[in-house]
PDB file of all heavy atoms in Angstrom:
ATOM      1  N   ALA A   1    -172.899 -13.773  36.262  1.00  0.00           N
ATOM      2  CA  ALA A   1    -173.154 -13.742  34.839  1.00  0.00           C
ATOM      3  C   ALA A   1    -174.058 -14.924  34.396  1.00  0.00           C
ATOM      4  O   ALA A   1    -174.480 -14.990  33.233  1.00  0.00           O
ATOM      5  CB  ALA A   1    -171.803 -13.823  34.012  1.00  0.00           C
ATOM      6  N   HIS A   2    -174.288 -15.854  35.237  1.00  0.00           N
ATOM      7  CA  HIS A   2    -174.962 -17.013  34.936  1.00  0.00           C
ATOM      8  C   HIS A   2    -176.471 -16.802  34.606  1.00  0.00           C
ATOM      9  O   HIS A   2    -177.224 -16.083  35.374  1.00  0.00           O
ATOM     10  CB  HIS A   2    -174.914 -18.092  36.069  1.00  0.00           C
ATOM     11  CG  HIS A   2    -175.604 -19.310  35.806  1.00  0.00           C
ATOM     12  ND1 HIS A   2    -176.853 -19.541  36.291  1.00  0.00           N
ATOM     13  CD2 HIS A   2    -175.186 -20.498  35.180  1.00  0.00           C
ATOM     14  CE1 HIS A   2    -177.219 -20.751  35.969  1.00  0.00           C
ATOM     15  NE2 HIS A   2    -176.240 -21.387  35.298  1.00  0.00           N
ATOM     16  N   THR A   3    -176.994 -17.294  33.513  1.00  0.00           N
ATOM     17  CA  THR A   3    -178.371 -17.304  33.153  1.00  0.00           C
ATOM     18  C   THR A   3    -178.922 -18.720  33.010  1.00  0.00           C
ATOM     19  O   THR A   3    -180.094 -18.946  33.029  1.00  0.00           O
ATOM     20  CB  THR A   3    -178.755 -16.503  31.901  1.00  0.00           C
ATOM     21  OG1 THR A   3    -178.154 -17.219  30.755  1.00  0.00           O
ATOM     22  CG2 THR A   3    -178.185 -15.136  31.972  1.00  0.00           C
ATOM     23  N   GLY A   4    -177.980 -19.705  32.771  1.00  0.00           N
ATOM     24  CA  GLY A   4    -178.369 -21.069  32.526  1.00  0.00           C
ATOM     25  C   GLY A   4    -178.691 -21.376  31.095  1.00  0.00           C
ATOM     26  O   GLY A   4    -179.070 -22.487  30.780  1.00  0.00           O
ATOM     27  N   LYS A   5    -178.496 -20.347  30.259  1.00  0.00           N
ATOM     28  CA  LYS A   5    -178.843 -20.552  28.805  1.00  0.00           C
ATOM     29  C   LYS A   5    -177.531 -20.551  27.957  1.00  0.00           C
ATOM     30  O   LYS A   5    -176.560 -20.101  28.483  1.00  0.00           O
ATOM     31  CB  LYS A   5    -179.722 -19.441  28.359  1.00  0.00           C
ATOM     32  CG  LYS A   5    -181.055 -19.415  29.031  1.00  0.00           C
ATOM     33  CD  LYS A   5    -181.973 -18.324  28.424  1.00  0.00           C
ATOM     34  CE  LYS A   5    -183.275 -18.438  29.163  1.00  0.00           C
ATOM     35  NZ  LYS A   5    -183.915 -17.255  29.409  1.00  0.00           N
ATOM     36  N   LEU A   6    -177.636 -21.147  26.838  1.00  0.00           N
ATOM     37  CA  LEU A   6    -176.496 -21.219  25.900  1.00  0.00           C
ATOM     38  C   LEU A   6    -175.953 -19.811  25.752  1.00  0.00           C
ATOM     39  O   LEU A   6    -176.656 -18.910  25.517  1.00  0.00           O
ATOM     40  CB  LEU A   6    -176.948 -21.818  24.552  1.00  0.00           C
ATOM     41  CG  LEU A   6    -175.983 -22.307  23.650  1.00  0.00           C
ATOM     42  CD1 LEU A   6    -175.233 -23.449  24.305  1.00  0.00           C
ATOM     43  CD2 LEU A   6    -176.604 -22.853  22.384  1.00  0.00           C
ATOM     44  N   GLY A   7    -174.623 -19.650  25.717  1.00  0.00           N
ATOM     45  CA  GLY A   7    -174.029 -18.389  25.423  1.00  0.00           C
ATOM     46  C   GLY A   7    -173.717 -17.474  26.659  1.00  0.00           C
ATOM     47  O   GLY A   7    -173.490 -16.328  26.563  1.00  0.00           O
ATOM     48  N   ASP A   8    -173.710 -18.101  27.795  1.00  0.00           N
ATOM     49  CA  ASP A   8    -173.407 -17.336  29.059  1.00  0.00           C
ATOM     50  C   ASP A   8    -172.030 -16.828  29.109  1.00  0.00           C
ATOM     51  O   ASP A   8    -171.756 -15.843  29.714  1.00  0.00           O
ATOM     52  CB  ASP A   8    -173.659 -18.275  30.312  1.00  0.00           C
ATOM     53  CG  ASP A   8    -175.042 -18.124  30.861  1.00  0.00           C
ATOM     54  OD1 ASP A   8    -175.868 -17.340  30.311  1.00  0.00           O
ATOM     55  OD2 ASP A   8    -175.363 -18.910  31.853  1.00  0.00           O
ATOM     56  N   GLY A   9    -171.107 -17.503  28.405  1.00  0.00           N
ATOM     57  CA  GLY A   9    -169.772 -16.936  28.202  1.00  0.00           C
ATOM     58  C   GLY A   9    -168.698 -17.875  28.763  1.00  0.00           C
ATOM     59  O   GLY A   9    -168.863 -19.052  29.038  1.00  0.00           O
ATOM     60  N   LYS A  10    -167.461 -17.337  28.903  1.00  0.00           N
ATOM     61  CA  LYS A  10    -166.300 -18.019  29.408  1.00  0.00           C
ATOM     62  C   LYS A  10    -165.502 -17.063  30.197  1.00  0.00           C
ATOM     63  O   LYS A  10    -165.634 -15.890  30.191  1.00  0.00           O
ATOM     64  CB  LYS A  10    -165.406 -18.462  28.089  1.00  0.00           C
ATOM     65  CG  LYS A  10    -165.970 -19.254  27.102  1.00  0.00           C
ATOM     66  CD  LYS A  10    -165.701 -20.756  27.457  1.00  0.00           C
ATOM     67  CE  LYS A  10    -165.993 -21.743  26.357  1.00  0.00           C
ATOM     68  NZ  LYS A  10    -167.374 -21.774  25.872  1.00  0.00           N
ATOM     69  N   ILE A  11    -164.704 -17.830  31.102  1.00  0.00           N
ATOM     70  CA  ILE A  11    -163.743 -17.000  31.999  1.00  0.00           C
ATOM     71  C   ILE A  11    -162.344 -17.639  31.750  1.00  0.00           C
ATOM     72  O   ILE A  11    -162.226 -18.867  31.821  1.00  0.00           O
ATOM     73  CB  ILE A  11    -164.210 -17.134  33.402  1.00  0.00           C
ATOM     74  CG1 ILE A  11    -165.566 -16.553  33.660  1.00  0.00           C
ATOM     75  CG2 ILE A  11    -163.148 -16.416  34.334  1.00  0.00           C
ATOM     76  CD1 ILE A  11    -166.112 -16.806  35.066  1.00  0.00           C
ATOM     77  N   PHE A  12    -161.368 -16.750  31.506  1.00  0.00           N
ATOM     78  CA  PHE A  12    -160.037 -17.172  31.360  1.00  0.00           C
ATOM     79  C   PHE A  12    -159.110 -16.541  32.395  1.00  0.00           C
ATOM     80  O   PHE A  12    -159.351 -15.371  32.739  1.00  0.00           O
ATOM     81  CB  PHE A  12    -159.507 -16.736  29.924  1.00  0.00           C
ATOM     82  CG  PHE A  12    -160.284 -17.067  28.833  1.00  0.00           C
ATOM     83  CD1 PHE A  12    -161.276 -16.246  28.323  1.00  0.00           C
ATOM     84  CD2 PHE A  12    -160.273 -18.396  28.274  1.00  0.00           C
ATOM     85  CE1 PHE A  12    -162.073 -16.612  27.238  1.00  0.00           C
ATOM     86  CE2 PHE A  12    -161.057 -18.766  27.185  1.00  0.00           C
ATOM     87  CZ  PHE A  12    -161.917 -17.855  26.681  1.00  0.00           C
ATOM     88  N   VAL A  13    -158.222 -17.354  32.980  1.00  0.00           N
ATOM     89  CA  VAL A  13    -157.316 -16.820  34.007  1.00  0.00           C
ATOM     90  C   VAL A  13    -155.882 -16.928  33.390  1.00  0.00           C
ATOM     91  O   VAL A  13    -155.486 -18.041  33.006  1.00  0.00           O
ATOM     92  CB  VAL A  13    -157.394 -17.567  35.263  1.00  0.00           C
ATOM     93  CG1 VAL A  13    -156.422 -17.036  36.325  1.00  0.00           C
ATOM     94  CG2 VAL A  13    -158.798 -17.516  35.854  1.00  0.00           C
ATOM     95  N   LEU A  14    -155.160 -15.792  33.319  1.00  0.00           N
ATOM     96  CA  LEU A  14    -153.862 -15.801  32.673  1.00  0.00           C
ATOM     97  C   LEU A  14    -152.822 -15.216  33.656  1.00  0.00           C
ATOM     98  O   LEU A  14    -153.167 -14.352  34.507  1.00  0.00           O
ATOM     99  CB  LEU A  14    -153.854 -14.883  31.515  1.00  0.00           C
ATOM    100  CG  LEU A  14    -154.924 -15.233  30.462  1.00  0.00           C
ATOM    101  CD1 LEU A  14    -155.308 -14.035  29.755  1.00  0.00           C
ATOM    102  CD2 LEU A  14    -154.442 -16.318  29.520  1.00  0.00           C
ATOM    103  N   PRO A  15    -151.509 -15.652  33.611  1.00  0.00           N
ATOM    104  CA  PRO A  15    -150.489 -15.010  34.500  1.00  0.00           C
ATOM    105  C   PRO A  15    -150.124 -13.620  33.974  1.00  0.00           C
ATOM    106  O   PRO A  15    -150.173 -13.373  32.753  1.00  0.00           O
ATOM    107  CB  PRO A  15    -149.374 -16.057  34.249  1.00  0.00           C
ATOM    108  CG  PRO A  15    -149.524 -16.720  32.975  1.00  0.00           C
ATOM    109  CD  PRO A  15    -151.027 -16.774  32.758  1.00  0.00           C
ATOM    110  N   VAL A  16    -149.746 -12.773  34.910  1.00  0.00           N
ATOM    111  CA  VAL A  16    -149.344 -11.464  34.640  1.00  0.00           C
ATOM    112  C   VAL A  16    -147.887 -11.250  35.159  1.00  0.00           C
ATOM    113  O   VAL A  16    -147.708 -11.443  36.393  1.00  0.00           O
ATOM    114  CB  VAL A  16    -150.212 -10.393  35.084  1.00  0.00           C
ATOM    115  CG1 VAL A  16    -149.637  -9.018  34.917  1.00  0.00           C
ATOM    116  CG2 VAL A  16    -151.581 -10.422  34.450  1.00  0.00           C
ATOM    117  N   GLU A  17    -147.002 -10.937  34.364  1.00  0.00           N
ATOM    118  CA  GLU A  17    -145.570 -10.883  34.886  1.00  0.00           C
ATOM    119  C   GLU A  17    -145.281  -9.571  35.559  1.00  0.00           C
ATOM    120  O   GLU A  17    -144.686  -9.534  36.593  1.00  0.00           O
ATOM    121  CB  GLU A  17    -144.537 -10.985  33.635  1.00  0.00           C
ATOM    122  CG  GLU A  17    -144.510 -12.440  33.134  1.00  0.00           C
ATOM    123  CD  GLU A  17    -143.435 -12.543  32.096  1.00  0.00           C
ATOM    124  OE1 GLU A  17    -142.453 -11.861  32.135  1.00  0.00           O
ATOM    125  OE2 GLU A  17    -143.656 -13.358  31.136  1.00  0.00           O
ATOM    126  N   GLU A  18    -145.816  -8.428  35.064  1.00  0.00           N
ATOM    127  CA  GLU A  18    -145.546  -7.124  35.638  1.00  0.00           C
ATOM    128  C   GLU A  18    -146.683  -6.160  35.360  1.00  0.00           C
ATOM    129  O   GLU A  18    -147.280  -6.277  34.242  1.00  0.00           O
ATOM    130  CB  GLU A  18    -144.211  -6.616  34.969  1.00  0.00           C
ATOM    131  CG  GLU A  18    -143.766  -5.281  35.661  1.00  0.00           C
ATOM    132  CD  GLU A  18    -143.392  -5.348  37.149  1.00  0.00           C
ATOM    133  OE1 GLU A  18    -142.242  -5.645  37.366  1.00  0.00           O
ATOM    134  OE2 GLU A  18    -144.282  -5.181  37.972  1.00  0.00           O
ATOM    135  N   VAL A  19    -146.878  -5.215  36.272  1.00  0.00           N
ATOM    136  CA  VAL A  19    -147.878  -4.181  36.082  1.00  0.00           C
ATOM    137  C   VAL A  19    -147.085  -2.860  36.466  1.00  0.00           C
ATOM    138  O   VAL A  19    -146.381  -2.881  37.549  1.00  0.00           O
ATOM    139  CB  VAL A  19    -149.089  -4.272  37.008  1.00  0.00           C
ATOM    140  CG1 VAL A  19    -150.015  -3.103  36.809  1.00  0.00           C
ATOM    141  CG2 VAL A  19    -149.819  -5.568  36.653  1.00  0.00           C
ATOM    142  N   ILE A  20    -147.215  -1.825  35.669  1.00  0.00           N
ATOM    143  CA  ILE A  20    -146.668  -0.580  35.935  1.00  0.00           C
ATOM    144  C   ILE A  20    -147.558   0.545  35.739  1.00  0.00           C
ATOM    145  O   ILE A  20    -148.312   0.576  34.742  1.00  0.00           O
ATOM    146  CB  ILE A  20    -145.418  -0.313  34.975  1.00  0.00           C
ATOM    147  CG1 ILE A  20    -144.377  -1.412  35.171  1.00  0.00           C
ATOM    148  CG2 ILE A  20    -144.788   1.028  35.288  1.00  0.00           C
ATOM    149  CD1 ILE A  20    -143.652  -1.750  33.871  1.00  0.00           C
ATOM    150  N   ARG A  21    -147.819   1.344  36.798  1.00  0.00           N
ATOM    151  CA  ARG A  21    -148.681   2.451  36.766  1.00  0.00           C
ATOM    152  C   ARG A  21    -147.903   3.640  35.994  1.00  0.00           C
ATOM    153  O   ARG A  21    -146.891   4.064  36.412  1.00  0.00           O
ATOM    154  CB  ARG A  21    -149.155   2.981  38.121  1.00  0.00           C
ATOM    155  CG  ARG A  21    -150.226   4.044  38.070  1.00  0.00           C
ATOM    156  CD  ARG A  21    -150.574   4.564  39.454  1.00  0.00           C
ATOM    157  NE  ARG A  21    -150.956   3.456  40.329  1.00  0.00           N
ATOM    158  CZ  ARG A  21    -152.264   2.970  40.485  1.00  0.00           C
ATOM    159  NH1 ARG A  21    -153.204   3.511  39.719  1.00  0.00           N
ATOM    160  NH2 ARG A  21    -152.473   2.020  41.347  1.00  0.00           N
ATOM    161  N   VAL A  22    -148.529   4.031  34.885  1.00  0.00           N
ATOM    162  CA  VAL A  22    -147.897   5.080  34.021  1.00  0.00           C
ATOM    163  C   VAL A  22    -147.685   6.384  34.826  1.00  0.00           C
ATOM    164  O   VAL A  22    -146.562   7.019  34.756  1.00  0.00           O
ATOM    165  CB  VAL A  22    -148.700   5.282  32.752  1.00  0.00           C
ATOM    166  CG1 VAL A  22    -148.071   6.518  31.962  1.00  0.00           C
ATOM    167  CG2 VAL A  22    -148.756   4.053  31.871  1.00  0.00           C
ATOM    168  N   ARG A  23    -148.645   6.836  35.548  1.00  0.00           N
ATOM    169  CA  ARG A  23    -148.638   8.154  36.226  1.00  0.00           C
ATOM    170  C   ARG A  23    -147.528   8.191  37.226  1.00  0.00           C
ATOM    171  O   ARG A  23    -146.716   9.219  37.347  1.00  0.00           O
ATOM    172  CB  ARG A  23    -149.989   8.458  36.851  1.00  0.00           C
ATOM    173  CG  ARG A  23    -150.005   9.848  37.520  1.00  0.00           C
ATOM    174  CD  ARG A  23    -151.416  10.069  38.145  1.00  0.00           C
ATOM    175  NE  ARG A  23    -151.969   9.121  38.949  1.00  0.00           N
ATOM    176  CZ  ARG A  23    -151.684   8.904  40.300  1.00  0.00           C
ATOM    177  NH1 ARG A  23    -150.972   9.806  40.875  1.00  0.00           N
ATOM    178  NH2 ARG A  23    -152.142   8.018  41.023  1.00  0.00           N
ATOM    179  N   THR A  24    -147.381   7.186  38.091  1.00  0.00           N
ATOM    180  CA  THR A  24    -146.439   7.204  39.204  1.00  0.00           C
ATOM    181  C   THR A  24    -145.218   6.359  39.078  1.00  0.00           C
ATOM    182  O   THR A  24    -144.296   6.496  39.823  1.00  0.00           O
ATOM    183  CB  THR A  24    -147.133   6.787  40.490  1.00  0.00           C
ATOM    184  OG1 THR A  24    -147.601   5.441  40.388  1.00  0.00           O
ATOM    185  CG2 THR A  24    -148.390   7.664  40.790  1.00  0.00           C
ATOM    186  N   GLY A  25    -145.255   5.446  38.132  1.00  0.00           N
ATOM    187  CA  GLY A  25    -144.134   4.525  37.997  1.00  0.00           C
ATOM    188  C   GLY A  25    -144.179   3.430  38.964  1.00  0.00           C
ATOM    189  O   GLY A  25    -143.139   2.551  39.033  1.00  0.00           O
ATOM    190  N   GLU A  26    -145.215   3.210  39.711  1.00  0.00           N
ATOM    191  CA  GLU A  26    -145.309   2.103  40.680  1.00  0.00           C
ATOM    192  C   GLU A  26    -145.291   0.800  39.928  1.00  0.00           C
ATOM    193  O   GLU A  26    -145.834   0.722  38.772  1.00  0.00           O
ATOM    194  CB  GLU A  26    -146.589   2.227  41.519  1.00  0.00           C
ATOM    195  CG  GLU A  26    -146.610   3.416  42.477  1.00  0.00           C
ATOM    196  CD  GLU A  26    -148.070   3.565  43.063  1.00  0.00           C
ATOM    197  OE1 GLU A  26    -149.001   3.800  42.271  1.00  0.00           O
ATOM    198  OE2 GLU A  26    -148.122   3.484  44.283  1.00  0.00           O
ATOM    199  N   HIS A  27    -144.772  -0.235  40.556  1.00  0.00           N
ATOM    200  CA  HIS A  27    -144.630  -1.578  39.945  1.00  0.00           C
ATOM    201  C   HIS A  27    -145.375  -2.631  40.802  1.00  0.00           C
ATOM    202  O   HIS A  27    -145.651  -2.491  42.015  1.00  0.00           O
ATOM    203  CB  HIS A  27    -143.154  -1.993  39.908  1.00  0.00           C
ATOM    204  CG  HIS A  27    -142.438  -1.349  38.862  1.00  0.00           C
ATOM    205  ND1 HIS A  27    -142.063  -1.861  37.709  1.00  0.00           N
ATOM    206  CD2 HIS A  27    -141.847  -0.023  38.823  1.00  0.00           C
ATOM    207  CE1 HIS A  27    -141.371  -1.056  37.034  1.00  0.00           C
ATOM    208  NE2 HIS A  27    -141.159   0.074  37.700  1.00  0.00           N
ATOM    209  N   GLY A  28    -145.776  -3.740  40.149  1.00  0.00           N
ATOM    210  CA  GLY A  28    -146.349  -4.782  40.805  1.00  0.00           C
ATOM    211  C   GLY A  28    -147.640  -4.608  41.422  1.00  0.00           C
ATOM    212  O   GLY A  28    -148.525  -3.775  40.911  1.00  0.00           O
ATOM    213  N   LYS A  29    -147.874  -5.205  42.665  1.00  0.00           N
ATOM    214  CA  LYS A  29    -149.166  -5.079  43.305  1.00  0.00           C
ATOM    215  C   LYS A  29    -149.590  -3.683  43.672  1.00  0.00           C
ATOM    216  O   LYS A  29    -150.728  -3.318  43.641  1.00  0.00           O
ATOM    217  CB  LYS A  29    -148.943  -5.921  44.659  1.00  0.00           C
ATOM    218  CG  LYS A  29    -150.200  -6.402  45.247  1.00  0.00           C
ATOM    219  CD  LYS A  29    -149.860  -7.306  46.410  1.00  0.00           C
ATOM    220  CE  LYS A  29    -151.097  -7.596  47.269  1.00  0.00           C
ATOM    221  NZ  LYS A  29    -150.716  -8.389  48.434  1.00  0.00           N
ATOM    222  N   ASP A  30    -148.541  -2.769  43.924  1.00  0.00           N
ATOM    223  CA  ASP A  30    -148.841  -1.344  44.123  1.00  0.00           C
ATOM    224  C   ASP A  30    -149.537  -0.654  42.919  1.00  0.00           C
ATOM    225  O   ASP A  30    -150.205   0.361  43.201  1.00  0.00           O
ATOM    226  CB  ASP A  30    -147.595  -0.666  44.578  1.00  0.00           C
ATOM    227  CG  ASP A  30    -147.051  -1.081  45.908  1.00  0.00           C
ATOM    228  OD1 ASP A  30    -147.900  -1.620  46.775  1.00  0.00           O
ATOM    229  OD2 ASP A  30    -145.826  -1.021  46.098  1.00  0.00           O
ATOM    230  N   ALA A  31    -149.181  -1.143  41.775  1.00  0.00           N
ATOM    231  CA  ALA A  31    -149.689  -0.526  40.572  1.00  0.00           C
ATOM    232  C   ALA A  31    -151.112  -0.899  40.190  1.00  0.00           C
ATOM    233  O   ALA A  31    -151.777  -0.266  39.386  1.00  0.00           O
ATOM    234  CB  ALA A  31    -148.805  -0.887  39.323  1.00  0.00           C
ATOM    235  N   ILE A  32    -151.629  -2.011  40.966  1.00  0.00           N
ATOM    236  CA  ILE A  32    -152.982  -2.418  40.638  1.00  0.00           C
ATOM    237  C   ILE A  32    -153.918  -1.403  41.309  1.00  0.00           C
ATOM    238  O   ILE A  32    -154.833  -0.985  41.184  1.00  0.00           O
ATOM    239  CB  ILE A  32    -153.279  -3.926  41.171  1.00  0.00           C
ATOM    240  CG1 ILE A  32    -152.387  -4.873  40.367  1.00  0.00           C
ATOM    241  CG2 ILE A  32    -154.728  -4.304  40.868  1.00  0.00           C
ATOM    242  CD1 ILE A  32    -152.534  -6.285  40.858  1.00  0.00           C
TER     243      ILE A  32
END
């Protein structure tokens, strides 16, 4: 994403407690 110019952006890293796949009901890493 880098151009070296003003406005290249930001990156945020946030914790995720749980992920659930709606179709199958899989949880956690399997749902990603």
